[in-house]
């Protein structure tokens, strides 16, 4: 009865309350990605993005879908390039990362959860001392996305590729289906992308 009540409460809460309540645990992966790479709030340059993108169709399609959350085209495209770059860099599907961002923050850069998680991917501040540097600002675009993608990649590795369990860990709800299902629903119904034929 308690579990059913908890699920109903979760479903009735606004999207931002699904912000992750990530448990404090040390990452197995190297933290050199932070110490060796300058992280700032500027978007990834088009040249960096173009090295990874196989065509411009992805940016065009995703930009149209993101318009209701980010009306300004330049801001929207800079955001998408950075998502694409950071997701690909961590070996993640950019569409999955967009789905996580929508559930976590509704694409609000300055979102703060009741637990204190911050930014697009709702990163808990303890991760700064675990994998980062005290100068890192979790509201900065690239900082937030890099942390989020690294953390999700870590959990995916930990769970041997099981996306449901990795997403549950990311959200602090391991063993419950609600959060992973929200992400999967968005991935399939909103952010799914098939590369145009030939």
C-alpha atoms as a PDB file:
ATOM      1  CA  UNK A   1       0.000   0.000   0.000  1.00  0.00           C
ATOM      2  CA  UNK A   2       2.821   2.386   0.907  1.00  0.00           C
ATOM      3  CA  UNK A   3       4.628   1.712  -2.387  1.00  0.00           C
ATOM      4  CA  UNK A   4       1.452   2.335  -4.403  1.00  0.00           C
ATOM      5  CA  UNK A   5       0.863   5.612  -2.533  1.00  0.00           C
ATOM      6  CA  UNK A   6       4.463   6.690  -3.191  1.00  0.00           C
ATOM      7  CA  UNK A   7       4.108   5.982  -6.924  1.00  0.00           C
ATOM      8  CA  UNK A   8       0.854   7.935  -7.093  1.00  0.00           C
ATOM      9  CA  UNK A   9       2.476  10.898  -5.337  1.00  0.00           C
ATOM     10  CA  UNK A  10       5.399  10.787  -7.794  1.00  0.00           C
ATOM     11  CA  UNK A  11       3.029  10.783 -10.750  1.00  0.00           C
ATOM     12  CA  UNK A  12       1.155  13.803  -9.405  1.00  0.00           C
ATOM     13  CA  UNK A  13       4.246  15.869  -8.702  1.00  0.00           C
ATOM     14  CA  UNK A  14       5.588  18.295 -11.324  1.00  0.00           C
ATOM     15  CA  UNK A  15       8.349  17.082 -13.625  1.00  0.00           C
ATOM     16  CA  UNK A  16      11.086  18.947 -11.734  1.00  0.00           C
ATOM     17  CA  UNK A  17      10.518  16.875  -8.586  1.00  0.00           C
ATOM     18  CA  UNK A  18      11.762  13.836 -10.456  1.00  0.00           C
ATOM     19  CA  UNK A  19      15.183  15.428 -10.051  1.00  0.00           C
ATOM     20  CA  UNK A  20      17.794  12.895  -9.223  1.00  0.00           C
ATOM     21  CA  UNK A  21      18.596  12.037  -5.635  1.00  0.00           C
ATOM     22  CA  UNK A  22      21.842  10.368  -6.551  1.00  0.00           C
ATOM     23  CA  UNK A  23      23.534   8.411  -3.788  1.00  0.00           C
ATOM     24  CA  UNK A  24      27.046   9.391  -2.778  1.00  0.00           C
ATOM     25  CA  UNK A  25      29.402   6.858  -4.253  1.00  0.00           C
ATOM     26  CA  UNK A  26      32.795   7.198  -5.853  1.00  0.00           C
ATOM     27  CA  UNK A  27      33.050   6.829  -9.593  1.00  0.00           C
ATOM     28  CA  UNK A  28      35.161   4.029 -11.001  1.00  0.00           C
ATOM     29  CA  UNK A  29      35.840   6.011 -14.144  1.00  0.00           C
ATOM     30  CA  UNK A  30      38.751   8.423 -14.376  1.00  0.00           C
ATOM     31  CA  UNK A  31      38.309  12.032 -13.370  1.00  0.00           C
ATOM     32  CA  UNK A  32      40.991  13.170 -15.815  1.00  0.00           C
ATOM     33  CA  UNK A  33      38.256  14.252 -18.203  1.00  0.00           C
ATOM     34  CA  UNK A  34      37.672  17.189 -15.855  1.00  0.00           C
ATOM     35  CA  UNK A  35      41.240  18.061 -14.946  1.00  0.00           C
ATOM     36  CA  UNK A  36      42.588  17.866 -18.490  1.00  0.00           C
ATOM     37  CA  UNK A  37      39.767  19.649 -20.273  1.00  0.00           C
ATOM     38  CA  UNK A  38      38.671  23.238 -19.868  1.00  0.00           C
ATOM     39  CA  UNK A  39      34.977  23.379 -19.085  1.00  0.00           C
ATOM     40  CA  UNK A  40      33.095  26.608 -19.514  1.00  0.00           C
ATOM     41  CA  UNK A  41      29.605  27.854 -20.249  1.00  0.00           C
ATOM     42  CA  UNK A  42      30.105  28.418 -23.957  1.00  0.00           C
ATOM     43  CA  UNK A  43      28.422  26.052 -26.366  1.00  0.00           C
ATOM     44  CA  UNK A  44      30.399  23.639 -28.456  1.00  0.00           C
ATOM     45  CA  UNK A  45      31.603  25.302 -31.627  1.00  0.00           C
ATOM     46  CA  UNK A  46      30.088  24.263 -34.926  1.00  0.00           C
ATOM     47  CA  UNK A  47      33.472  22.866 -35.973  1.00  0.00           C
ATOM     48  CA  UNK A  48      33.559  20.561 -32.926  1.00  0.00           C
ATOM     49  CA  UNK A  49      29.960  19.520 -33.500  1.00  0.00           C
ATOM     50  CA  UNK A  50      30.510  18.926 -37.222  1.00  0.00           C
ATOM     51  CA  UNK A  51      33.292  16.455 -36.470  1.00  0.00           C
ATOM     52  CA  UNK A  52      30.738  14.223 -34.773  1.00  0.00           C
ATOM     53  CA  UNK A  53      27.527  14.857 -36.678  1.00  0.00           C
ATOM     54  CA  UNK A  54      27.136  12.843 -39.839  1.00  0.00           C
ATOM     55  CA  UNK A  55      24.501  15.181 -41.246  1.00  0.00           C
ATOM     56  CA  UNK A  56      22.629  18.392 -40.487  1.00  0.00           C
ATOM     57  CA  UNK A  57      19.281  16.635 -40.448  1.00  0.00           C
ATOM     58  CA  UNK A  58      19.583  15.676 -36.759  1.00  0.00           C
ATOM     59  CA  UNK A  59      20.091  19.286 -35.687  1.00  0.00           C
ATOM     60  CA  UNK A  60      17.199  20.454 -37.847  1.00  0.00           C
ATOM     61  CA  UNK A  61      14.766  17.793 -36.605  1.00  0.00           C
ATOM     62  CA  UNK A  62      15.701  18.172 -32.939  1.00  0.00           C
ATOM     63  CA  UNK A  63      15.629  21.953 -33.158  1.00  0.00           C
ATOM     64  CA  UNK A  64      12.027  21.846 -34.336  1.00  0.00           C
ATOM     65  CA  UNK A  65      11.059  19.509 -31.496  1.00  0.00           C
ATOM     66  CA  UNK A  66      12.817  21.640 -28.884  1.00  0.00           C
ATOM     67  CA  UNK A  67      11.274  24.910 -30.051  1.00  0.00           C
ATOM     68  CA  UNK A  68       8.499  24.978 -27.435  1.00  0.00           C
ATOM     69  CA  UNK A  69      11.098  24.769 -24.647  1.00  0.00           C
ATOM     70  CA  UNK A  70      13.689  27.090 -26.197  1.00  0.00           C
ATOM     71  CA  UNK A  71      12.105  29.571 -28.634  1.00  0.00           C
ATOM     72  CA  UNK A  72      15.376  31.316 -29.579  1.00  0.00           C
ATOM     73  CA  UNK A  73      16.911  29.442 -32.514  1.00  0.00           C
ATOM     74  CA  UNK A  74      20.542  30.312 -31.775  1.00  0.00           C
ATOM     75  CA  UNK A  75      20.231  29.291 -28.124  1.00  0.00           C
ATOM     76  CA  UNK A  76      18.381  26.129 -29.127  1.00  0.00           C
ATOM     77  CA  UNK A  77      20.962  25.034 -31.684  1.00  0.00           C
ATOM     78  CA  UNK A  78      23.889  25.806 -29.375  1.00  0.00           C
ATOM     79  CA  UNK A  79      22.217  23.736 -26.679  1.00  0.00           C
ATOM     80  CA  UNK A  80      21.615  20.825 -29.069  1.00  0.00           C
ATOM     81  CA  UNK A  81      25.191  20.870 -30.364  1.00  0.00           C
ATOM     82  CA  UNK A  82      26.442  20.700 -26.789  1.00  0.00           C
ATOM     83  CA  UNK A  83      24.071  17.852 -25.890  1.00  0.00           C
ATOM     84  CA  UNK A  84      25.184  15.962 -28.986  1.00  0.00           C
ATOM     85  CA  UNK A  85      28.849  16.542 -28.217  1.00  0.00           C
ATOM     86  CA  UNK A  86      28.753  15.623 -24.531  1.00  0.00           C
ATOM     87  CA  UNK A  87      26.453  12.626 -25.002  1.00  0.00           C
ATOM     88  CA  UNK A  88      28.571  11.213 -27.833  1.00  0.00           C
ATOM     89  CA  UNK A  89      31.744  11.907 -25.873  1.00  0.00           C
ATOM     90  CA  UNK A  90      30.389   9.739 -23.048  1.00  0.00           C
ATOM     91  CA  UNK A  91      29.172   7.021 -25.429  1.00  0.00           C
ATOM     92  CA  UNK A  92      25.492   7.837 -24.893  1.00  0.00           C
ATOM     93  CA  UNK A  93      22.612   8.308 -27.303  1.00  0.00           C
ATOM     94  CA  UNK A  94      21.931  12.083 -27.564  1.00  0.00           C
ATOM     95  CA  UNK A  95      18.208  11.364 -27.802  1.00  0.00           C
ATOM     96  CA  UNK A  96      18.350   9.488 -24.482  1.00  0.00           C
ATOM     97  CA  UNK A  97      20.117  12.455 -22.897  1.00  0.00           C
ATOM     98  CA  UNK A  98      17.442  14.825 -24.227  1.00  0.00           C
ATOM     99  CA  UNK A  99      14.803  12.559 -22.682  1.00  0.00           C
ATOM    100  CA  UNK A 100      16.598  12.578 -19.317  1.00  0.00           C
ATOM    101  CA  UNK A 101      16.893  16.377 -19.422  1.00  0.00           C
ATOM    102  CA  UNK A 102      13.193  16.780 -20.136  1.00  0.00           C
ATOM    103  CA  UNK A 103      12.216  14.565 -17.194  1.00  0.00           C
ATOM    104  CA  UNK A 104      14.799  16.045 -14.849  1.00  0.00           C
ATOM    105  CA  UNK A 105      14.413  19.768 -15.484  1.00  0.00           C
ATOM    106  CA  UNK A 106      11.992  20.419 -18.329  1.00  0.00           C
ATOM    107  CA  UNK A 107      14.971  22.031 -20.124  1.00  0.00           C
ATOM    108  CA  UNK A 108      15.314  24.712 -17.416  1.00  0.00           C
ATOM    109  CA  UNK A 109      18.943  25.708 -16.988  1.00  0.00           C
ATOM    110  CA  UNK A 110      18.517  27.009 -13.433  1.00  0.00           C
ATOM    111  CA  UNK A 111      16.191  24.301 -12.108  1.00  0.00           C
ATOM    112  CA  UNK A 112      16.796  23.307  -8.478  1.00  0.00           C
ATOM    113  CA  UNK A 113      15.086  20.277  -6.961  1.00  0.00           C
ATOM    114  CA  UNK A 114      13.797  19.985  -3.405  1.00  0.00           C
ATOM    115  CA  UNK A 115      16.916  17.884  -2.714  1.00  0.00           C
ATOM    116  CA  UNK A 116      19.268  20.559  -4.092  1.00  0.00           C
ATOM    117  CA  UNK A 117      20.044  18.981  -7.490  1.00  0.00           C
ATOM    118  CA  UNK A 118      20.944  21.604 -10.079  1.00  0.00           C
ATOM    119  CA  UNK A 119      20.596  22.457 -13.708  1.00  0.00           C
ATOM    120  CA  UNK A 120      19.516  20.658 -16.835  1.00  0.00           C
ATOM    121  CA  UNK A 121      20.515  17.171 -15.704  1.00  0.00           C
ATOM    122  CA  UNK A 122      19.857  17.833 -11.995  1.00  0.00           C
ATOM    123  CA  UNK A 123      23.316  17.165 -10.602  1.00  0.00           C
ATOM    124  CA  UNK A 124      23.702  16.871  -6.843  1.00  0.00           C
ATOM    125  CA  UNK A 125      26.446  19.201  -5.514  1.00  0.00           C
ATOM    126  CA  UNK A 126      28.355  16.343  -3.841  1.00  0.00           C
ATOM    127  CA  UNK A 127      29.487  15.235  -7.308  1.00  0.00           C
ATOM    128  CA  UNK A 128      31.752  18.296  -7.482  1.00  0.00           C
ATOM    129  CA  UNK A 129      34.016  16.906  -4.769  1.00  0.00           C
ATOM    130  CA  UNK A 130      33.691  13.370  -6.116  1.00  0.00           C
ATOM    131  CA  UNK A 131      34.601  13.864  -9.773  1.00  0.00           C
ATOM    132  CA  UNK A 132      35.176  17.544 -10.322  1.00  0.00           C
ATOM    133  CA  UNK A 133      36.657  20.730  -9.043  1.00  0.00           C
ATOM    134  CA  UNK A 134      35.332  23.344  -6.618  1.00  0.00           C
ATOM    135  CA  UNK A 135      35.441  25.937  -9.405  1.00  0.00           C
ATOM    136  CA  UNK A 136      32.818  24.045 -11.420  1.00  0.00           C
ATOM    137  CA  UNK A 137      29.421  25.712 -11.598  1.00  0.00           C
ATOM    138  CA  UNK A 138      26.654  23.150 -12.037  1.00  0.00           C
ATOM    139  CA  UNK A 139      24.459  25.713 -13.765  1.00  0.00           C
ATOM    140  CA  UNK A 140      26.941  26.117 -16.616  1.00  0.00           C
ATOM    141  CA  UNK A 141      25.749  24.396 -19.748  1.00  0.00           C
ATOM    142  CA  UNK A 142      28.773  22.253 -20.554  1.00  0.00           C
ATOM    143  CA  UNK A 143      29.645  21.565 -16.922  1.00  0.00           C
ATOM    144  CA  UNK A 144      26.157  20.307 -16.165  1.00  0.00           C
ATOM    145  CA  UNK A 145      25.915  18.170 -19.285  1.00  0.00           C
ATOM    146  CA  UNK A 146      29.379  16.721 -18.846  1.00  0.00           C
ATOM    147  CA  UNK A 147      28.696  15.727 -15.246  1.00  0.00           C
ATOM    148  CA  UNK A 148      25.295  14.287 -16.132  1.00  0.00           C
ATOM    149  CA  UNK A 149      26.591  12.287 -19.083  1.00  0.00           C
ATOM    150  CA  UNK A 150      29.567  10.954 -17.116  1.00  0.00           C
ATOM    151  CA  UNK A 151      27.379   9.931 -14.189  1.00  0.00           C
ATOM    152  CA  UNK A 152      24.855   8.199 -16.432  1.00  0.00           C
ATOM    153  CA  UNK A 153      27.663   6.451 -18.340  1.00  0.00           C
ATOM    154  CA  UNK A 154      29.117   5.280 -15.022  1.00  0.00           C
ATOM    155  CA  UNK A 155      25.801   3.806 -13.928  1.00  0.00           C
ATOM    156  CA  UNK A 156      25.293   2.168 -17.312  1.00  0.00           C
ATOM    157  CA  UNK A 157      28.700   0.523 -16.987  1.00  0.00           C
ATOM    158  CA  UNK A 158      27.932  -0.502 -13.419  1.00  0.00           C
ATOM    159  CA  UNK A 159      24.681  -2.122 -14.544  1.00  0.00           C
ATOM    160  CA  UNK A 160      26.257  -3.881 -17.566  1.00  0.00           C
ATOM    161  CA  UNK A 161      24.226  -1.938 -20.098  1.00  0.00           C
ATOM    162  CA  UNK A 162      20.865  -2.257 -18.330  1.00  0.00           C
ATOM    163  CA  UNK A 163      19.266   1.113 -19.079  1.00  0.00           C
ATOM    164  CA  UNK A 164      16.368   0.682 -16.645  1.00  0.00           C
ATOM    165  CA  UNK A 165      18.679   0.046 -13.719  1.00  0.00           C
ATOM    166  CA  UNK A 166      21.156   2.739 -14.784  1.00  0.00           C
ATOM    167  CA  UNK A 167      18.379   5.324 -15.016  1.00  0.00           C
ATOM    168  CA  UNK A 168      17.039   4.168 -11.662  1.00  0.00           C
ATOM    169  CA  UNK A 169      20.458   4.751 -10.116  1.00  0.00           C
ATOM    170  CA  UNK A 170      20.760   8.124 -11.798  1.00  0.00           C
ATOM    171  CA  UNK A 171      17.446   9.218 -10.304  1.00  0.00           C
ATOM    172  CA  UNK A 172      17.965   7.533  -6.950  1.00  0.00           C
ATOM    173  CA  UNK A 173      14.991   5.241  -7.553  1.00  0.00           C
ATOM    174  CA  UNK A 174      16.673   1.919  -8.339  1.00  0.00           C
ATOM    175  CA  UNK A 175      14.151  -0.905  -8.437  1.00  0.00           C
ATOM    176  CA  UNK A 176      11.198   1.331  -9.303  1.00  0.00           C
ATOM    177  CA  UNK A 177       9.877   1.498 -12.849  1.00  0.00           C
ATOM    178  CA  UNK A 178       8.344   4.985 -12.807  1.00  0.00           C
ATOM    179  CA  UNK A 179      11.390   7.095 -13.661  1.00  0.00           C
ATOM    180  CA  UNK A 180      12.932   4.849 -16.347  1.00  0.00           C
ATOM    181  CA  UNK A 181       9.511   4.513 -17.975  1.00  0.00           C
ATOM    182  CA  UNK A 182       9.092   8.301 -18.131  1.00  0.00           C
ATOM    183  CA  UNK A 183      12.464   8.564 -19.879  1.00  0.00           C
ATOM    184  CA  UNK A 184      11.723   5.687 -22.273  1.00  0.00           C
ATOM    185  CA  UNK A 185       8.309   7.138 -23.155  1.00  0.00           C
ATOM    186  CA  UNK A 186       9.885  10.462 -24.100  1.00  0.00           C
ATOM    187  CA  UNK A 187      12.662   8.731 -26.011  1.00  0.00           C
ATOM    188  CA  UNK A 188      10.197   6.757 -28.133  1.00  0.00           C
ATOM    189  CA  UNK A 189       7.412   9.327 -28.486  1.00  0.00           C
ATOM    190  CA  UNK A 190       9.304  12.632 -28.685  1.00  0.00           C
ATOM    191  CA  UNK A 191      13.047  12.300 -29.252  1.00  0.00           C
ATOM    192  CA  UNK A 192      13.421   9.140 -31.341  1.00  0.00           C
ATOM    193  CA  UNK A 193      15.393   9.856 -34.515  1.00  0.00           C
ATOM    194  CA  UNK A 194      16.022   7.723 -37.557  1.00  0.00           C
ATOM    195  CA  UNK A 195      18.734   8.895 -39.913  1.00  0.00           C
ATOM    196  CA  UNK A 196      17.296   9.692 -43.358  1.00  0.00           C
ATOM    197  CA  UNK A 197      17.945   7.036 -45.984  1.00  0.00           C
ATOM    198  CA  UNK A 198      20.795   7.438 -48.449  1.00  0.00           C
END
